[in-house]
Amino acid sequence: MLYKRQISSELKKYIHSTEALILTGMRRVGKTTILKQLYSEIKSKNKAFFDFENTLDIRKFESLDYNRIWDNLAENGISKDEKAYIFIDEIQNFPKISSIAKYFIDHYQTKFFFTGSSTYYLKNLFPESMSGRKYTFEVFPLTFTEFLNFKGAEAPKQVNFFTHNKLLPLYKEYIEWGGFPGVVTENDTKEKTFKLRDIFKSYFEQDVKSLSDFKNYSLLRELIILLSKQTGSKTDISKLANILSTTRETIYSYLNFLEATYFISLLPPFSKNNFRASAGSKKVYLCDSGMANFLGKPSEGQLFEQSVFQNLRVNHELAYFDKGRRNEIDFVIDKKEALEVKLNASKRDIYNLKIRSEILKITDYKVATLNFSEEEKTIPALNLV
């Protein structure tokens, strides 16, 4: 069964444009499924789907004479005499595809659809010569709204006590197991654990070892486990370096790689003028609450905050605020809304958030809660979009 993702409607707007569409994100987040859904939307018969994890599919594009590639594509029913639609999964396995795509777009108005597993790699794969010829979209594990769709449930427009209690068990499942589609659709907990283990193995074996030139993979693995325990916390580069008996420079390079390959996100501190760029003061979140739970077993509060981050990152620009002495705001959303995350919200929590928001001259503030609250200025996390 094919489930609809929120990004699908946005992608359809560009389905017949001249620019190439690139879907990027971690492995197992559903990029291939979305690509196949787009393929089914194309009514033209002049289309073909290639998987670049299959060397025979790569072989079709290996000719030094780009015009001769059309002869190879004819075997797949593709003609250059009308607009062709070419879908390619896992483009990082064949770097030359970027120059071929540019040539085909410029000379034959060919429409390309790509998936790739890393911005770390894609920045080098698609040089400036492709500027203006591509649109890039990021795909993440499921939001809670998508999670409900996969479970055959609907997200309510308004959440009251009864609808909240009805959906709360599902949200707790979302917190514990996360939003990787293959994990969500599995009901057996042992199989869920196996799939999370397999996702991590796939990431480590196929992305880390093929896209990086790190000499000490075990050190990177230990850093990942440390970060899993610290989700929602500020990174302390010196402390991480000391724990792992390595240099600050090594930690910085590992963090940059993990972020560029979507395994972590580093949330910057909020500045009224701009975001400061110091990685040492950024908060770390993992790709998914299920993965964080599997690797590091963080606290319930940490996993809850991780789940809130997952729901917000898709559509919003995020930062956090910290003036010290516990004057913190978990999320500043689009530079204009303050959101604090609490399992249960007290009046004191709401008052403190009000005072902190006034420092930033932000008037829109709320406390996101796991458990239902009738207090003003609170919002159920399961209703966040």
Protein backbone atom coordinates (compact mmCIF):
# COMPACT_ATOMS: atom_id res chain seq x y z
CA MET A 1 0.00 0.00 0.00
CA LEU A 2 1.28 3.46 -0.93
CA TYR A 3 0.79 6.12 1.73
CA LYS A 4 0.59 9.80 0.94
CA ARG A 5 3.34 12.03 2.32
CA GLN A 6 2.93 15.73 3.02
CA ILE A 7 5.69 16.59 0.58
CA SER A 8 3.89 14.88 -2.31
CA SER A 9 1.50 17.75 -3.09
CA GLU A 10 4.43 20.19 -3.21
CA LEU A 11 6.40 17.96 -5.56
CA LYS A 12 3.48 17.66 -7.96
CA LYS A 13 3.71 21.42 -8.63
CA TYR A 14 7.06 20.84 -10.33
CA ILE A 15 6.38 17.52 -12.01
CA HIS A 16 6.36 18.99 -15.54
CA SER A 17 8.85 21.83 -15.04
CA THR A 18 12.16 21.78 -16.92
CA GLU A 19 14.24 21.61 -13.74
CA ALA A 20 15.44 18.32 -12.26
CA LEU A 21 13.81 17.32 -8.97
CA ILE A 22 16.12 15.94 -6.30
CA LEU A 23 14.88 14.17 -3.17
CA THR A 24 17.49 13.95 -0.47
CA GLY A 25 17.42 12.53 3.05
CA MET A 26 18.46 9.55 5.15
CA ARG A 27 18.08 6.02 3.92
CA ARG A 28 14.73 4.36 4.69
CA VAL A 29 12.78 7.62 5.05
CA GLY A 30 10.68 6.85 1.97
CA LYS A 31 12.46 8.63 -0.89
CA THR A 32 12.18 5.68 -3.26
CA THR A 33 8.48 5.24 -2.51
CA ILE A 34 7.83 8.92 -3.20
CA LEU A 35 9.82 8.65 -6.44
CA LYS A 36 7.66 5.72 -7.55
CA GLN A 37 4.52 7.68 -6.71
CA LEU A 38 5.74 10.53 -8.91
CA TYR A 39 6.53 8.02 -11.65
CA SER A 40 2.92 6.81 -11.56
CA GLU A 41 1.72 10.42 -11.94
CA ILE A 42 3.44 10.77 -15.33
CA LYS A 43 0.92 9.87 -18.02
CA SER A 44 3.49 9.81 -20.80
CA LYS A 45 4.82 6.39 -21.80
CA ASN A 46 8.20 7.97 -22.56
CA LYS A 47 9.51 7.34 -19.06
CA ALA A 48 11.85 4.92 -17.27
CA PHE A 49 12.99 4.15 -13.72
CA PHE A 50 16.60 3.27 -12.86
CA ASP A 51 18.17 2.08 -9.62
CA PHE A 52 21.82 3.10 -9.34
CA GLU A 53 22.47 0.48 -6.70
CA ASN A 54 22.20 -1.86 -9.68
CA THR A 55 25.37 -1.70 -11.80
CA LEU A 56 23.42 -2.77 -14.90
CA ASP A 57 21.29 0.37 -14.63
CA ILE A 58 24.41 2.52 -14.23
CA ARG A 59 25.84 0.89 -17.37
CA LYS A 60 23.10 2.56 -19.45
CA PHE A 61 24.68 5.96 -18.75
CA GLU A 62 28.40 5.14 -19.01
CA SER A 63 29.04 6.14 -22.65
CA LEU A 64 31.49 9.02 -23.11
CA ASP A 65 29.34 10.20 -26.02
CA TYR A 66 26.21 11.48 -24.30
CA ASN A 67 24.16 11.25 -27.49
CA ARG A 68 24.83 7.51 -27.65
CA ILE A 69 23.22 7.11 -24.25
CA TRP A 70 19.89 7.48 -26.05
CA ASP A 71 20.60 4.19 -27.82
CA ASN A 72 20.95 2.49 -24.43
CA LEU A 73 17.78 4.14 -23.13
CA ALA A 74 15.86 2.92 -26.19
CA GLU A 75 16.07 -0.54 -24.64
CA ASN A 76 13.84 0.85 -21.89
CA GLY A 77 11.38 2.34 -24.38
CA ILE A 78 12.78 5.88 -24.12
CA SER A 79 12.86 8.09 -27.22
CA LYS A 80 14.59 11.45 -27.64
CA ASP A 81 11.94 12.53 -30.15
CA GLU A 82 9.54 13.58 -27.39
CA LYS A 83 9.92 14.83 -23.83
CA ALA A 84 11.45 12.05 -21.75
CA TYR A 85 11.00 11.52 -18.01
CA ILE A 86 13.93 9.76 -16.36
CA PHE A 87 13.79 8.61 -12.73
CA ILE A 88 17.01 7.62 -10.97
CA ASP A 89 17.30 6.25 -7.44
CA GLU A 90 20.52 6.65 -5.38
CA ILE A 91 22.46 8.95 -7.73
CA GLN A 92 25.47 9.15 -5.39
CA ASN A 93 26.61 5.82 -6.84
CA PHE A 94 27.40 7.42 -10.23
CA PRO A 95 28.87 10.95 -9.99
CA LYS A 96 28.95 11.54 -13.76
CA ILE A 97 25.15 11.67 -13.88
CA SER A 98 25.18 15.41 -13.06
CA SER A 99 26.98 16.39 -16.29
CA ILE A 100 24.82 13.98 -18.30
CA ALA A 101 21.67 15.47 -16.78
CA LYS A 102 22.82 19.01 -17.58
CA TYR A 103 23.45 18.04 -21.21
CA PHE A 104 20.10 16.28 -21.58
CA ILE A 105 18.20 19.15 -19.97
CA ASP A 106 19.89 21.78 -22.14
CA HIS A 107 19.66 19.90 -25.45
CA TYR A 108 16.57 17.70 -25.13
CA GLN A 109 14.48 19.27 -22.33
CA THR A 110 14.60 15.92 -20.52
CA LYS A 111 12.93 15.84 -17.13
CA PHE A 112 14.97 14.14 -14.38
CA PHE A 113 13.86 12.92 -10.97
CA PHE A 114 16.63 11.88 -8.55
CA THR A 115 17.07 10.59 -5.02
CA GLY A 116 20.26 10.84 -3.01
CA SER A 117 21.17 10.09 0.59
CA SER A 118 23.38 13.00 1.53
CA THR A 119 23.68 16.75 1.11
CA TYR A 120 27.33 16.14 2.04
CA TYR A 121 27.73 14.37 -1.27
CA LEU A 122 25.18 16.17 -3.42
CA LYS A 123 26.86 19.56 -2.95
CA ASN A 124 29.87 18.16 -4.83
CA LEU A 125 27.83 16.02 -7.20
CA PHE A 126 25.83 18.95 -8.59
CA PRO A 127 28.22 21.82 -9.32
CA GLU A 128 27.35 25.44 -10.02
CA SER A 129 26.76 24.54 -13.69
CA MET A 130 23.49 22.92 -12.58
CA SER A 131 22.40 26.13 -10.87
CA GLY A 132 18.90 27.02 -12.04
CA ARG A 133 18.37 23.52 -13.42
CA LYS A 134 17.33 21.72 -10.25
CA TYR A 135 15.03 21.86 -7.23
CA THR A 136 16.07 20.02 -4.08
CA PHE A 137 13.59 18.72 -1.49
CA GLU A 138 14.43 17.15 1.85
CA VAL A 139 12.59 14.03 3.04
CA PHE A 140 12.51 13.17 6.75
CA PRO A 141 10.99 10.39 8.87
CA LEU A 142 7.24 10.77 9.33
CA THR A 143 5.65 13.65 11.17
CA PHE A 144 2.90 12.64 13.58
CA THR A 145 0.25 13.67 11.03
CA GLU A 146 1.84 11.31 8.50
CA PHE A 147 2.23 8.67 11.20
CA LEU A 148 -1.54 8.80 11.81
CA ASN A 149 -2.16 8.39 8.08
CA PHE A 150 0.04 5.29 8.05
CA LYS A 151 -1.99 3.98 11.00
CA GLY A 152 -5.31 4.64 9.25
CA ALA A 153 -6.24 7.47 11.63
CA GLU A 154 -6.92 11.15 11.04
CA ALA A 155 -5.41 14.14 12.78
CA PRO A 156 -8.20 16.20 14.38
CA LYS A 157 -8.47 19.89 13.53
CA GLN A 158 -9.30 20.64 17.16
CA VAL A 159 -8.09 18.57 20.08
CA ASN A 160 -10.29 18.23 23.14
CA PHE A 161 -9.98 15.95 26.16
CA PHE A 162 -11.63 13.00 24.42
CA THR A 163 -9.79 13.20 21.09
CA HIS A 164 -6.53 13.74 22.95
CA ASN A 165 -6.96 10.62 25.08
CA LYS A 166 -7.91 8.64 21.99
CA LEU A 167 -4.73 9.63 20.14
CA LEU A 168 -2.34 9.71 23.09
CA PRO A 169 -1.42 5.98 22.86
CA LEU A 170 -0.48 6.51 19.22
CA TYR A 171 1.63 9.55 20.07
CA LYS A 172 3.42 7.58 22.77
CA GLU A 173 4.13 4.89 20.16
CA TYR A 174 5.45 7.63 17.87
CA ILE A 175 7.77 8.88 20.64
CA GLU A 176 9.07 5.40 21.45
CA TRP A 177 9.50 3.99 17.96
CA GLY A 178 9.78 7.07 15.76
CA GLY A 179 8.73 7.73 12.20
CA PHE A 180 10.77 5.57 9.83
CA PRO A 181 8.03 4.18 7.54
CA GLY A 182 9.22 0.58 7.73
CA VAL A 183 9.18 0.70 11.53
CA VAL A 184 5.76 2.41 11.67
CA THR A 185 4.08 -0.21 9.50
CA GLU A 186 5.50 -3.08 11.58
CA ASN A 187 3.35 -4.12 14.55
CA ASP A 188 5.65 -6.59 16.28
CA THR A 189 8.02 -4.85 18.72
CA LYS A 190 10.85 -7.30 18.09
CA GLU A 191 10.58 -6.62 14.37
CA LYS A 192 10.53 -2.87 15.03
CA THR A 193 13.78 -3.21 16.98
CA PHE A 194 15.29 -5.34 14.20
CA LYS A 195 14.36 -2.72 11.59
CA LEU A 196 15.87 0.14 13.61
CA ARG A 197 19.05 -1.92 13.98
CA ASP A 198 19.05 -2.55 10.23
CA ILE A 199 18.55 1.15 9.44
CA PHE A 200 21.54 2.04 11.59
CA LYS A 201 23.62 -0.72 10.02
CA SER A 202 22.65 0.47 6.54
CA TYR A 203 23.57 4.05 7.39
CA PHE A 204 26.92 3.05 8.85
CA GLU A 205 27.88 0.59 6.13
CA GLN A 206 26.59 2.44 3.08
CA ASP A 207 26.80 6.14 3.94
CA VAL A 208 29.55 6.46 6.53
CA LYS A 209 31.97 4.05 4.89
CA SER A 210 31.25 5.03 1.29
CA LEU A 211 30.91 8.82 1.63
CA SER A 212 33.54 9.62 4.24
CA ASP A 213 37.29 9.16 4.47
CA PHE A 214 37.38 8.77 8.25
CA LYS A 215 40.08 6.45 9.55
CA ASN A 216 38.44 5.58 12.86
CA TYR A 217 34.88 4.38 12.34
CA SER A 218 34.58 3.06 15.90
CA LEU A 219 35.23 6.58 17.21
CA LEU A 220 32.40 7.93 15.07
CA ARG A 221 30.14 5.13 16.30
CA GLU A 222 30.89 6.01 19.94
CA LEU A 223 30.17 9.68 19.23
CA ILE A 224 26.80 8.75 17.75
CA ILE A 225 25.88 6.77 20.88
CA LEU A 226 26.95 9.67 23.11
CA LEU A 227 24.83 12.10 21.10
CA SER A 228 21.87 9.72 21.28
CA LYS A 229 21.92 10.05 25.06
CA GLN A 230 22.16 13.85 24.81
CA THR A 231 19.35 14.61 22.37
CA GLY A 232 17.87 18.03 23.10
CA SER A 233 21.05 19.17 24.88
CA LYS A 234 23.73 21.67 23.92
CA THR A 235 26.85 20.18 22.41
CA ASP A 236 30.06 20.63 24.38
CA ILE A 237 32.84 20.03 21.89
CA SER A 238 35.63 19.97 24.46
CA LYS A 239 33.79 17.53 26.69
CA LEU A 240 33.00 15.21 23.80
CA ALA A 241 36.64 15.33 22.70
CA ASN A 242 37.84 14.51 26.22
CA ILE A 243 35.42 11.60 26.65
CA LEU A 244 36.46 10.10 23.32
CA SER A 245 40.17 10.95 23.72
CA THR A 246 40.36 12.85 20.46
CA THR A 247 40.69 16.42 19.20
CA ARG A 248 38.11 19.16 18.95
CA GLU A 249 38.79 19.31 15.20
CA THR A 250 37.88 15.63 14.85
CA ILE A 251 34.61 16.15 16.74
CA TYR A 252 33.76 19.14 14.54
CA SER A 253 34.38 17.14 11.35
CA TYR A 254 32.29 14.22 12.61
CA LEU A 255 29.41 16.50 13.61
CA ASN A 256 29.47 18.18 10.20
CA PHE A 257 29.34 14.81 8.48
CA LEU A 258 26.54 13.48 10.69
CA GLU A 259 24.48 16.59 10.04
CA ALA A 260 25.09 16.57 6.28
CA THR A 261 24.05 12.91 6.09
CA TYR A 262 20.87 13.65 8.09
CA PHE A 263 21.73 11.54 11.11
CA ILE A 264 21.67 14.54 13.43
CA SER A 265 20.43 18.12 13.35
CA LEU A 266 22.28 20.93 15.10
CA LEU A 267 19.94 23.66 16.29
CA PRO A 268 21.52 27.13 16.48
CA PRO A 269 20.97 29.65 19.28
CA PHE A 270 18.58 32.48 18.48
CA SER A 271 19.93 35.96 17.94
CA LYS A 272 17.74 39.00 17.32
CA ASN A 273 20.03 39.98 14.49
CA ASN A 274 21.00 36.63 13.04
CA PHE A 275 21.86 33.05 13.91
CA ARG A 276 25.32 32.62 15.36
CA ALA A 277 27.33 29.88 13.73
CA SER A 278 29.24 28.36 16.66
CA ALA A 279 28.71 24.58 16.48
CA GLY A 280 29.81 24.31 20.10
CA SER A 281 26.71 26.14 21.30
CA LYS A 282 24.19 24.26 19.19
CA LYS A 283 21.63 21.78 20.49
CA VAL A 284 21.71 18.31 19.03
CA TYR A 285 18.71 16.26 17.90
CA LEU A 286 18.79 12.88 16.24
CA CYS A 287 17.15 11.97 12.96
CA ASP A 288 14.32 10.21 14.76
CA SER A 289 13.06 9.53 18.29
CA GLY A 290 12.94 5.78 17.63
CA MET A 291 16.60 5.80 16.62
CA ALA A 292 17.53 7.90 19.67
CA ASN A 293 15.64 5.48 21.91
CA PHE A 294 17.23 2.46 20.26
CA LEU A 295 20.80 3.76 20.54
CA GLY A 296 20.90 5.80 23.72
CA LYS A 297 17.76 5.33 25.82
CA PRO A 298 17.40 9.05 26.70
CA SER A 299 14.81 10.17 29.24
CA GLU A 300 11.09 10.44 28.54
CA GLY A 301 11.36 14.22 28.50
CA GLN A 302 14.22 14.14 26.02
CA LEU A 303 12.38 11.78 23.68
CA PHE A 304 9.26 13.94 23.91
CA GLU A 305 11.24 17.05 22.96
CA GLN A 306 12.85 15.08 20.11
CA SER A 307 9.37 14.17 18.80
CA VAL A 308 8.30 17.83 18.91
CA PHE A 309 11.41 18.77 16.94
CA GLN A 310 10.56 16.14 14.31
CA ASN A 311 7.11 17.64 13.80
CA LEU A 312 8.38 21.21 13.51
CA ARG A 313 11.50 20.82 11.37
CA VAL A 314 9.65 20.05 8.14
CA ASN A 315 7.85 23.39 7.78
CA HIS A 316 9.66 25.80 10.07
CA GLU A 317 12.95 27.55 10.70
CA LEU A 318 14.01 26.65 14.23
CA ALA A 319 16.39 27.95 16.87
CA TYR A 320 16.58 27.91 20.65
CA PHE A 321 17.10 30.70 23.17
CA ASP A 322 19.38 30.57 26.20
CA LYS A 323 20.32 33.58 28.30
CA GLY A 324 21.72 31.46 31.11
CA ARG A 325 20.46 30.86 34.65
CA ARG A 326 17.68 28.67 33.28
CA ASN A 327 16.34 31.45 31.05
CA GLU A 328 15.82 29.05 28.17
CA ILE A 329 13.23 28.56 25.44
CA ASP A 330 13.27 25.16 23.74
CA PHE A 331 12.23 26.42 20.29
CA VAL A 332 11.99 29.81 18.62
CA ILE A 333 9.87 29.15 15.53
CA ASP A 334 10.32 31.26 12.39
CA LYS A 335 11.85 33.99 14.58
CA LYS A 336 8.42 34.99 15.88
CA GLU A 337 6.97 32.25 18.12
CA ALA A 338 8.29 30.77 21.37
CA LEU A 339 7.57 27.16 22.29
CA GLU A 340 8.51 25.39 25.50
CA VAL A 341 8.16 21.60 25.77
CA LYS A 342 6.83 19.97 28.96
CA LEU A 343 5.33 16.58 29.70
CA ASN A 344 2.87 18.45 31.94
CA ALA A 345 2.43 22.24 31.94
CA SER A 346 2.01 24.23 35.14
CA LYS A 347 0.96 27.86 35.47
CA ARG A 348 4.52 28.56 36.56
CA ASP A 349 5.85 27.11 33.29
CA ILE A 350 3.54 29.36 31.30
CA TYR A 351 4.49 32.44 33.33
CA ASN A 352 8.22 31.74 32.96
CA LEU A 353 7.83 31.35 29.21
CA LYS A 354 5.96 34.66 29.05
CA ILE A 355 8.83 36.46 30.82
CA ARG A 356 11.46 34.86 28.59
CA SER A 357 9.47 35.66 25.45
CA GLU A 358 9.28 39.31 26.48
CA ILE A 359 13.09 39.42 26.44
CA LEU A 360 12.87 38.63 22.72
CA LYS A 361 9.82 40.87 22.21
CA ILE A 362 7.87 37.78 21.14
CA THR A 363 4.17 37.93 21.93
CA ASP A 364 3.19 34.52 20.51
CA TYR A 365 4.22 31.85 23.00
CA LYS A 366 2.91 28.41 24.00
CA VAL A 367 3.84 25.39 26.06
CA ALA A 368 3.61 22.11 24.14
CA THR A 369 2.46 19.28 26.39
CA LEU A 370 2.27 15.52 26.17
CA ASN A 371 -0.64 15.23 28.59
CA PHE A 372 -3.82 17.21 28.07
CA SER A 373 -4.03 20.64 29.68
CA GLU A 374 -6.84 23.17 29.82
CA GLU A 375 -4.49 26.00 30.73
CA GLU A 376 -4.34 28.89 28.30
CA LYS A 377 -1.18 29.18 26.26
CA THR A 378 -0.78 25.40 26.08
CA ILE A 379 -1.01 23.20 23.00
CA PRO A 380 -1.04 19.39 22.73
CA ALA A 381 2.11 18.22 20.98
CA LEU A 382 0.03 15.83 18.90
CA ASN A 383 -1.62 18.90 17.33
CA LEU A 384 1.61 20.59 16.25
CA VAL A 385 2.25 21.06 12.53
